[in-house]
Structures are given as C-alpha cells and as structure tokens.
Amino acid sequence: MPESNIPLFLQTLAEAIETSNLCLSEKYQGNKETSAVTVLIPAGDVDCACSITVSRSVITEALGRLGLTKIYEQESAPQEWTK
C-alpha cells in the first residue's frame, strides 16, 4: 500500500469496525464497548499487533482504492478495479 494511503486506511478501518457484524451485534445488545479490536503488546522492543474484526463489504471495497490490489484481486472485485 502506498504510504500516502495510510490516513485513508485508518479512516476506512474505523468505518469497517463500526459496521462489522460483531460491533453492530454488541451495540444492539446495549454494550458500550466492542471486542472487535484486540491489541497484543509483546515484551521488549518488538512491534505490537492488532486483531481487528471488520465489515467484509466495507474493507473489500476499500482494498482496491488503497492500492492493496494483490489481496483485493483475490476477492470479488469489480472488473474495472482488477485491470
């Protein structure tokens, strides 16, 4: 992904988390928190890792716009985005 698309990627993630089945289900149940995001922080000078549950339709559509075409082409991409 081009570095210039990082802000768009983060914006897209927010929308994709909020519209995920998991987050919507938790919201419907009256929860004020979601388990759609899990952060793992290892010891030492090692990068952290996040596990994020997102809406498939939102993130799949965004993959092509973000320049993640190798992943996106494996999904059901509109033909004009895979050329």
PDB file of N, CA and C in Angstrom:
ATOM      1  N   MET A   1       0.845  -1.171   0.000  1.00  0.00           N
ATOM      2  CA  MET A   1       0.000   0.000   0.000  1.00  0.00           C
ATOM      3  C   MET A   1       0.892   1.237   0.000  1.00  0.00           C
ATOM      4  N   PRO A   2       0.578   2.219  -0.833  1.00  0.00           N
ATOM      5  CA  PRO A   2       1.350   3.450  -0.809  1.00  0.00           C
ATOM      6  C   PRO A   2       1.245   4.131   0.560  1.00  0.00           C
ATOM      7  N   GLU A   3       2.360   4.648   1.069  1.00  0.00           N
ATOM      8  CA  GLU A   3       2.360   5.302   2.378  1.00  0.00           C
ATOM      9  C   GLU A   3       1.356   6.448   2.440  1.00  0.00           C
ATOM     10  N   SER A   4       1.124   7.108   1.328  1.00  0.00           N
ATOM     11  CA  SER A   4       0.180   8.229   1.308  1.00  0.00           C
ATOM     12  C   SER A   4      -1.253   7.788   1.601  1.00  0.00           C
ATOM     13  N   ASN A   5      -1.530   6.488   1.494  1.00  0.00           N
ATOM     14  CA  ASN A   5      -2.877   5.981   1.744  1.00  0.00           C
ATOM     15  C   ASN A   5      -3.094   5.559   3.202  1.00  0.00           C
ATOM     16  N   ILE A   6      -2.090   5.708   4.061  1.00  0.00           N
ATOM     17  CA  ILE A   6      -2.250   5.301   5.461  1.00  0.00           C
ATOM     18  C   ILE A   6      -3.401   6.048   6.137  1.00  0.00           C
ATOM     19  N   PRO A   7      -3.542   7.379   5.993  1.00  0.00           N
ATOM     20  CA  PRO A   7      -4.685   8.055   6.628  1.00  0.00           C
ATOM     21  C   PRO A   7      -6.030   7.509   6.132  1.00  0.00           C
ATOM     22  N   LEU A   8      -6.149   7.254   4.823  1.00  0.00           N
ATOM     23  CA  LEU A   8      -7.381   6.699   4.278  1.00  0.00           C
ATOM     24  C   LEU A   8      -7.615   5.296   4.828  1.00  0.00           C
ATOM     25  N   PHE A   9      -6.559   4.509   4.971  1.00  0.00           N
ATOM     26  CA  PHE A   9      -6.662   3.167   5.526  1.00  0.00           C
ATOM     27  C   PHE A   9      -7.223   3.214   6.947  1.00  0.00           C
ATOM     28  N   LEU A  10      -6.698   4.124   7.776  1.00  0.00           N
ATOM     29  CA  LEU A  10      -7.172   4.229   9.156  1.00  0.00           C
ATOM     30  C   LEU A  10      -8.618   4.702   9.215  1.00  0.00           C
ATOM     31  N   GLN A  11      -8.980   5.627   8.351  1.00  0.00           N
ATOM     32  CA  GLN A  11     -10.364   6.097   8.281  1.00  0.00           C
ATOM     33  C   GLN A  11     -11.286   4.946   7.861  1.00  0.00           C
ATOM     34  N   THR A  12     -10.853   4.168   6.888  1.00  0.00           N
ATOM     35  CA  THR A  12     -11.636   3.038   6.412  1.00  0.00           C
ATOM     36  C   THR A  12     -11.796   1.981   7.499  1.00  0.00           C
ATOM     37  N   LEU A  13     -10.726   1.743   8.262  1.00  0.00           N
ATOM     38  CA  LEU A  13     -10.806   0.775   9.356  1.00  0.00           C
ATOM     39  C   LEU A  13     -11.862   1.171  10.371  1.00  0.00           C
ATOM     40  N   ALA A  14     -11.934   2.450  10.713  1.00  0.00           N
ATOM     41  CA  ALA A  14     -12.935   2.904  11.676  1.00  0.00           C
ATOM     42  C   ALA A  14     -14.340   2.575  11.182  1.00  0.00           C
ATOM     43  N   GLU A  15     -14.619   2.887   9.925  1.00  0.00           N
ATOM     44  CA  GLU A  15     -15.937   2.592   9.352  1.00  0.00           C
ATOM     45  C   GLU A  15     -16.180   1.085   9.306  1.00  0.00           C
ATOM     46  N   ALA A  16     -15.156   0.331   8.923  1.00  0.00           N
ATOM     47  CA  ALA A  16     -15.307  -1.114   8.797  1.00  0.00           C
ATOM     48  C   ALA A  16     -15.532  -1.778  10.159  1.00  0.00           C
ATOM     49  N   ILE A  17     -14.889  -1.273  11.202  1.00  0.00           N
ATOM     50  CA  ILE A  17     -15.107  -1.818  12.553  1.00  0.00           C
ATOM     51  C   ILE A  17     -16.532  -1.524  13.002  1.00  0.00           C
ATOM     52  N   GLU A  18     -16.950  -0.265  12.852  1.00  0.00           N
ATOM     53  CA  GLU A  18     -18.270   0.150  13.325  1.00  0.00           C
ATOM     54  C   GLU A  18     -19.414  -0.540  12.590  1.00  0.00           C
ATOM     55  N   THR A  19     -19.186  -0.991  11.351  1.00  0.00           N
ATOM     56  CA  THR A  19     -20.241  -1.656  10.583  1.00  0.00           C
ATOM     57  C   THR A  19     -20.076  -3.171  10.550  1.00  0.00           C
ATOM     58  N   SER A  20     -19.124  -3.695  11.317  1.00  0.00           N
ATOM     59  CA  SER A  20     -18.948  -5.149  11.354  1.00  0.00           C
ATOM     60  C   SER A  20     -20.127  -5.807  12.068  1.00  0.00           C
ATOM     61  N   ASN A  21     -20.409  -7.034  11.710  1.00  0.00           N
ATOM     62  CA  ASN A  21     -21.484  -7.773  12.369  1.00  0.00           C
ATOM     63  C   ASN A  21     -21.262  -7.847  13.876  1.00  0.00           C
ATOM     64  N   LEU A  22     -20.017  -8.063  14.287  1.00  0.00           N
ATOM     65  CA  LEU A  22     -19.696  -8.171  15.708  1.00  0.00           C
ATOM     66  C   LEU A  22     -20.009  -6.869  16.443  1.00  0.00           C
ATOM     67  N   CYS A  23     -19.527  -5.754  15.934  1.00  0.00           N
ATOM     68  CA  CYS A  23     -19.737  -4.463  16.592  1.00  0.00           C
ATOM     69  C   CYS A  23     -21.219  -4.096  16.616  1.00  0.00           C
ATOM     70  N   LEU A  24     -21.909  -4.286  15.505  1.00  0.00           N
ATOM     71  CA  LEU A  24     -23.342  -3.979  15.458  1.00  0.00           C
ATOM     72  C   LEU A  24     -24.127  -4.849  16.426  1.00  0.00           C
ATOM     73  N   SER A  25     -23.757  -6.114  16.539  1.00  0.00           N
ATOM     74  CA  SER A  25     -24.421  -7.024  17.474  1.00  0.00           C
ATOM     75  C   SER A  25     -24.212  -6.570  18.913  1.00  0.00           C
ATOM     76  N   GLU A  26     -22.987  -6.180  19.228  1.00  0.00           N
ATOM     77  CA  GLU A  26     -22.687  -5.715  20.586  1.00  0.00           C
ATOM     78  C   GLU A  26     -23.441  -4.420  20.897  1.00  0.00           C
ATOM     79  N   LYS A  27     -23.510  -3.526  19.916  1.00  0.00           N
ATOM     80  CA  LYS A  27     -24.237  -2.267  20.091  1.00  0.00           C
ATOM     81  C   LYS A  27     -25.719  -2.543  20.312  1.00  0.00           C
ATOM     82  N   TYR A  28     -26.281  -3.486  19.545  1.00  0.00           N
ATOM     83  CA  TYR A  28     -27.684  -3.860  19.663  1.00  0.00           C
ATOM     84  C   TYR A  28     -27.985  -4.414  21.059  1.00  0.00           C
ATOM     85  N   GLN A  29     -27.015  -5.107  21.635  1.00  0.00           N
ATOM     86  CA  GLN A  29     -27.179  -5.667  22.977  1.00  0.00           C
ATOM     87  C   GLN A  29     -26.993  -4.619  24.073  1.00  0.00           C
ATOM     88  N   GLY A  30     -26.677  -3.387  23.683  1.00  0.00           N
ATOM     89  CA  GLY A  30     -26.515  -2.310  24.640  1.00  0.00           C
ATOM     90  C   GLY A  30     -25.106  -2.160  25.195  1.00  0.00           C
ATOM     91  N   ASN A  31     -24.150  -2.885  24.622  1.00  0.00           N
ATOM     92  CA  ASN A  31     -22.764  -2.792  25.082  1.00  0.00           C
ATOM     93  C   ASN A  31     -22.175  -1.442  24.700  1.00  0.00           C
ATOM     94  N   LYS A  32     -21.387  -0.880  25.580  1.00  0.00           N
ATOM     95  CA  LYS A  32     -20.696   0.384  25.319  1.00  0.00           C
ATOM     96  C   LYS A  32     -19.269   0.140  24.849  1.00  0.00           C
ATOM     97  N   GLU A  33     -18.849  -1.116  24.791  1.00  0.00           N
ATOM     98  CA  GLU A  33     -17.518  -1.497  24.327  1.00  0.00           C
ATOM     99  C   GLU A  33     -17.672  -2.582  23.275  1.00  0.00           C
ATOM    100  N   THR A  34     -16.618  -2.778  22.477  1.00  0.00           N
ATOM    101  CA  THR A  34     -16.629  -3.834  21.480  1.00  0.00           C
ATOM    102  C   THR A  34     -15.382  -4.704  21.614  1.00  0.00           C
ATOM    103  N   SER A  35     -15.539  -5.953  21.289  1.00  0.00           N
ATOM    104  CA  SER A  35     -14.390  -6.864  21.274  1.00  0.00           C
ATOM    105  C   SER A  35     -13.854  -7.020  19.852  1.00  0.00           C
ATOM    106  N   ALA A  36     -14.248  -6.107  18.956  1.00  0.00           N
ATOM    107  CA  ALA A  36     -13.811  -6.163  17.566  1.00  0.00           C
ATOM    108  C   ALA A  36     -12.335  -5.801  17.401  1.00  0.00           C
ATOM    109  N   VAL A  37     -11.734  -5.235  18.435  1.00  0.00           N
ATOM    110  CA  VAL A  37     -10.327  -4.843  18.366  1.00  0.00           C
ATOM    111  C   VAL A  37      -9.575  -5.458  19.539  1.00  0.00           C
ATOM    112  N   THR A  38      -8.522  -6.204  19.234  1.00  0.00           N
ATOM    113  CA  THR A  38      -7.667  -6.800  20.255  1.00  0.00           C
ATOM    114  C   THR A  38      -6.235  -6.372  19.970  1.00  0.00           C
ATOM    115  N   VAL A  39      -5.548  -5.851  20.978  1.00  0.00           N
ATOM    116  CA  VAL A  39      -4.174  -5.401  20.810  1.00  0.00           C
ATOM    117  C   VAL A  39      -3.251  -6.281  21.637  1.00  0.00           C
ATOM    118  N   LEU A  40      -2.207  -6.800  21.010  1.00  0.00           N
ATOM    119  CA  LEU A  40      -1.218  -7.628  21.684  1.00  0.00           C
ATOM    120  C   LEU A  40       0.077  -6.827  21.794  1.00  0.00           C
ATOM    121  N   ILE A  41       0.570  -6.648  23.006  1.00  0.00           N
ATOM    122  CA  ILE A  41       1.797  -5.883  23.226  1.00  0.00           C
ATOM    123  C   ILE A  41       2.845  -6.819  23.815  1.00  0.00           C
ATOM    124  N   PRO A  42       3.783  -7.288  22.981  1.00  0.00           N
ATOM    125  CA  PRO A  42       4.826  -8.188  23.478  1.00  0.00           C
ATOM    126  C   PRO A  42       5.860  -7.442  24.317  1.00  0.00           C
ATOM    127  N   ALA A  43       6.620  -8.177  25.084  1.00  0.00           N
ATOM    128  CA  ALA A  43       7.677  -7.580  25.895  1.00  0.00           C
ATOM    129  C   ALA A  43       8.863  -7.199  25.015  1.00  0.00           C
ATOM    130  N   GLY A  44       9.662  -6.298  25.497  1.00  0.00           N
ATOM    131  CA  GLY A  44      10.861  -5.920  24.761  1.00  0.00           C
ATOM    132  C   GLY A  44      10.571  -4.914  23.669  1.00  0.00           C
ATOM    133  N   ASP A  45      11.548  -4.715  22.806  1.00  0.00           N
ATOM    134  CA  ASP A  45      11.458  -3.737  21.735  1.00  0.00           C
ATOM    135  C   ASP A  45      10.919  -4.394  20.461  1.00  0.00           C
ATOM    136  N   VAL A  46       9.663  -4.834  20.537  1.00  0.00           N
ATOM    137  CA  VAL A  46       9.025  -5.546  19.432  1.00  0.00           C
ATOM    138  C   VAL A  46       7.743  -4.799  19.079  1.00  0.00           C
ATOM    139  N   ASP A  47       7.428  -4.712  17.787  1.00  0.00           N
ATOM    140  CA  ASP A  47       6.181  -4.068  17.374  1.00  0.00           C
ATOM    141  C   ASP A  47       4.983  -4.791  17.972  1.00  0.00           C
ATOM    142  N   CYS A  48       3.907  -4.047  18.151  1.00  0.00           N
ATOM    143  CA  CYS A  48       2.657  -4.610  18.660  1.00  0.00           C
ATOM    144  C   CYS A  48       1.842  -5.157  17.487  1.00  0.00           C
ATOM    145  N   ALA A  49       0.836  -5.940  17.790  1.00  0.00           N
ATOM    146  CA  ALA A  49      -0.043  -6.492  16.761  1.00  0.00           C
ATOM    147  C   ALA A  49      -1.494  -6.239  17.149  1.00  0.00           C
ATOM    148  N   CYS A  50      -2.327  -5.977  16.151  1.00  0.00           N
ATOM    149  CA  CYS A  50      -3.756  -5.770  16.384  1.00  0.00           C
ATOM    150  C   CYS A  50      -4.544  -6.805  15.605  1.00  0.00           C
ATOM    151  N   SER A  51      -5.565  -7.315  16.227  1.00  0.00           N
ATOM    152  CA  SER A  51      -6.533  -8.168  15.546  1.00  0.00           C
ATOM    153  C   SER A  51      -7.833  -7.375  15.489  1.00  0.00           C
ATOM    154  N   ILE A  52      -8.338  -7.142  14.282  1.00  0.00           N
ATOM    155  CA  ILE A  52      -9.494  -6.274  14.111  1.00  0.00           C
ATOM    156  C   ILE A  52     -10.560  -6.998  13.295  1.00  0.00           C
ATOM    157  N   THR A  53     -11.766  -7.034  13.823  1.00  0.00           N
ATOM    158  CA  THR A  53     -12.901  -7.604  13.103  1.00  0.00           C
ATOM    159  C   THR A  53     -13.586  -6.472  12.349  1.00  0.00           C
ATOM    160  N   VAL A  54     -13.700  -6.609  11.027  1.00  0.00           N
ATOM    161  CA  VAL A  54     -14.250  -5.528  10.205  1.00  0.00           C
ATOM    162  C   VAL A  54     -15.346  -6.045   9.281  1.00  0.00           C
ATOM    163  N   SER A  55     -16.136  -5.104   8.794  1.00  0.00           N
ATOM    164  CA  SER A  55     -17.166  -5.410   7.811  1.00  0.00           C
ATOM    165  C   SER A  55     -16.499  -5.851   6.512  1.00  0.00           C
ATOM    166  N   ARG A  56     -16.845  -7.025   6.042  1.00  0.00           N
ATOM    167  CA  ARG A  56     -16.240  -7.549   4.818  1.00  0.00           C
ATOM    168  C   ARG A  56     -16.528  -6.647   3.625  1.00  0.00           C
ATOM    169  N   SER A  57     -17.761  -6.169   3.501  1.00  0.00           N
ATOM    170  CA  SER A  57     -18.109  -5.358   2.333  1.00  0.00           C
ATOM    171  C   SER A  57     -17.370  -4.024   2.330  1.00  0.00           C
ATOM    172  N   VAL A  58     -17.242  -3.376   3.492  1.00  0.00           N
ATOM    173  CA  VAL A  58     -16.556  -2.081   3.551  1.00  0.00           C
ATOM    174  C   VAL A  58     -15.078  -2.246   3.242  1.00  0.00           C
ATOM    175  N   ILE A  59     -14.420  -3.191   3.881  1.00  0.00           N
ATOM    176  CA  ILE A  59     -12.977  -3.328   3.698  1.00  0.00           C
ATOM    177  C   ILE A  59     -12.632  -3.886   2.319  1.00  0.00           C
ATOM    178  N   THR A  60     -13.440  -4.785   1.793  1.00  0.00           N
ATOM    179  CA  THR A  60     -13.161  -5.354   0.476  1.00  0.00           C
ATOM    180  C   THR A  60     -13.234  -4.276  -0.598  1.00  0.00           C
ATOM    181  N   GLU A  61     -14.236  -3.417  -0.510  1.00  0.00           N
ATOM    182  CA  GLU A  61     -14.357  -2.335  -1.486  1.00  0.00           C
ATOM    183  C   GLU A  61     -13.180  -1.363  -1.367  1.00  0.00           C
ATOM    184  N   ALA A  62     -12.710  -1.127  -0.155  1.00  0.00           N
ATOM    185  CA  ALA A  62     -11.639  -0.169   0.066  1.00  0.00           C
ATOM    186  C   ALA A  62     -10.269  -0.690  -0.364  1.00  0.00           C
ATOM    187  N   LEU A  63     -10.084  -1.989  -0.411  1.00  0.00           N
ATOM    188  CA  LEU A  63      -8.767  -2.544  -0.724  1.00  0.00           C
ATOM    189  C   LEU A  63      -8.226  -2.058  -2.057  1.00  0.00           C
ATOM    190  N   GLY A  64      -9.061  -1.997  -3.061  1.00  0.00           N
ATOM    191  CA  GLY A  64      -8.627  -1.507  -4.370  1.00  0.00           C
ATOM    192  C   GLY A  64      -8.248  -0.042  -4.334  1.00  0.00           C
ATOM    193  N   ARG A  65      -9.050   0.775  -3.641  1.00  0.00           N
ATOM    194  CA  ARG A  65      -8.751   2.207  -3.537  1.00  0.00           C
ATOM    195  C   ARG A  65      -7.459   2.449  -2.770  1.00  0.00           C
ATOM    196  N   LEU A  66      -7.123   1.551  -1.854  1.00  0.00           N
ATOM    197  CA  LEU A  66      -5.941   1.720  -1.016  1.00  0.00           C
ATOM    198  C   LEU A  66      -4.661   1.216  -1.677  1.00  0.00           C
ATOM    199  N   GLY A  67      -4.786   0.591  -2.826  1.00  0.00           N
ATOM    200  CA  GLY A  67      -3.609   0.082  -3.509  1.00  0.00           C
ATOM    201  C   GLY A  67      -3.182  -1.290  -3.021  1.00  0.00           C
ATOM    202  N   LEU A  68      -4.072  -2.001  -2.339  1.00  0.00           N
ATOM    203  CA  LEU A  68      -3.786  -3.368  -1.892  1.00  0.00           C
ATOM    204  C   LEU A  68      -4.363  -4.339  -2.914  1.00  0.00           C
ATOM    205  N   THR A  69      -3.979  -4.159  -4.164  1.00  0.00           N
ATOM    206  CA  THR A  69      -4.635  -4.865  -5.264  1.00  0.00           C
ATOM    207  C   THR A  69      -4.368  -6.355  -5.279  1.00  0.00           C
ATOM    208  N   LYS A  70      -3.216  -6.813  -4.821  1.00  0.00           N
ATOM    209  CA  LYS A  70      -2.957  -8.250  -4.834  1.00  0.00           C
ATOM    210  C   LYS A  70      -3.939  -8.987  -3.944  1.00  0.00           C
ATOM    211  N   ILE A  71      -4.249  -8.415  -2.798  1.00  0.00           N
ATOM    212  CA  ILE A  71      -5.249  -9.013  -1.912  1.00  0.00           C
ATOM    213  C   ILE A  71      -6.627  -8.831  -2.512  1.00  0.00           C
ATOM    214  N   TYR A  72      -6.916  -7.621  -2.991  1.00  0.00           N
ATOM    215  CA  TYR A  72      -8.237  -7.281  -3.494  1.00  0.00           C
ATOM    216  C   TYR A  72      -8.625  -8.141  -4.689  1.00  0.00           C
ATOM    217  N   GLU A  73      -7.688  -8.427  -5.575  1.00  0.00           N
ATOM    218  CA  GLU A  73      -7.992  -9.219  -6.755  1.00  0.00           C
ATOM    219  C   GLU A  73      -8.421 -10.632  -6.398  1.00  0.00           C
ATOM    220  N   GLN A  74      -8.049 -11.107  -5.230  1.00  0.00           N
ATOM    221  CA  GLN A  74      -8.450 -12.445  -4.802  1.00  0.00           C
ATOM    222  C   GLN A  74      -9.896 -12.460  -4.329  1.00  0.00           C
ATOM    223  N   GLU A  75     -10.443 -11.308  -4.021  1.00  0.00           N
ATOM    224  CA  GLU A  75     -11.829 -11.196  -3.588  1.00  0.00           C
ATOM    225  C   GLU A  75     -12.714 -10.973  -4.812  1.00  0.00           C
ATOM    226  N   SER A  76     -13.956 -10.670  -4.567  1.00  0.00           N
ATOM    227  CA  SER A  76     -14.890 -10.442  -5.675  1.00  0.00           C
ATOM    228  C   SER A  76     -14.853  -8.977  -6.094  1.00  0.00           C
ATOM    229  N   ALA A  77     -13.740  -8.580  -6.677  1.00  0.00           N
ATOM    230  CA  ALA A  77     -13.536  -7.194  -7.089  1.00  0.00           C
ATOM    231  C   ALA A  77     -14.316  -6.884  -8.358  1.00  0.00           C
ATOM    232  N   PRO A  78     -14.848  -5.655  -8.444  1.00  0.00           N
ATOM    233  CA  PRO A  78     -15.426  -5.230  -9.712  1.00  0.00           C
ATOM    234  C   PRO A  78     -14.357  -5.286 -10.792  1.00  0.00           C
ATOM    235  N   GLN A  79     -14.702  -5.672 -11.990  1.00  0.00           N
ATOM    236  CA  GLN A  79     -13.743  -5.868 -13.077  1.00  0.00           C
ATOM    237  C   GLN A  79     -12.892  -4.631 -13.332  1.00  0.00           C
ATOM    238  N   GLU A  80     -13.491  -3.432 -13.235  1.00  0.00           N
ATOM    239  CA  GLU A  80     -12.727  -2.219 -13.546  1.00  0.00           C
ATOM    240  C   GLU A  80     -11.602  -1.969 -12.543  1.00  0.00           C
ATOM    241  N   TRP A  81     -11.618  -2.601 -11.362  1.00  0.00           N
ATOM    242  CA  TRP A  81     -10.590  -2.387 -10.343  1.00  0.00           C
ATOM    243  C   TRP A  81      -9.460  -3.409 -10.461  1.00  0.00           C
ATOM    244  N   THR A  82      -9.657  -4.461 -11.223  1.00  0.00           N
ATOM    245  CA  THR A  82      -8.643  -5.511 -11.306  1.00  0.00           C
ATOM    246  C   THR A  82      -7.834  -5.420 -12.584  1.00  0.00           C
ATOM    247  N   LYS A  83      -8.085  -4.431 -13.425  1.00  0.00           N
ATOM    248  CA  LYS A  83      -7.355  -4.293 -14.682  1.00  0.00           C
ATOM    249  C   LYS A  83      -6.097  -3.496 -14.495  1.00  0.00           C
TER     250      LYS A  83
END
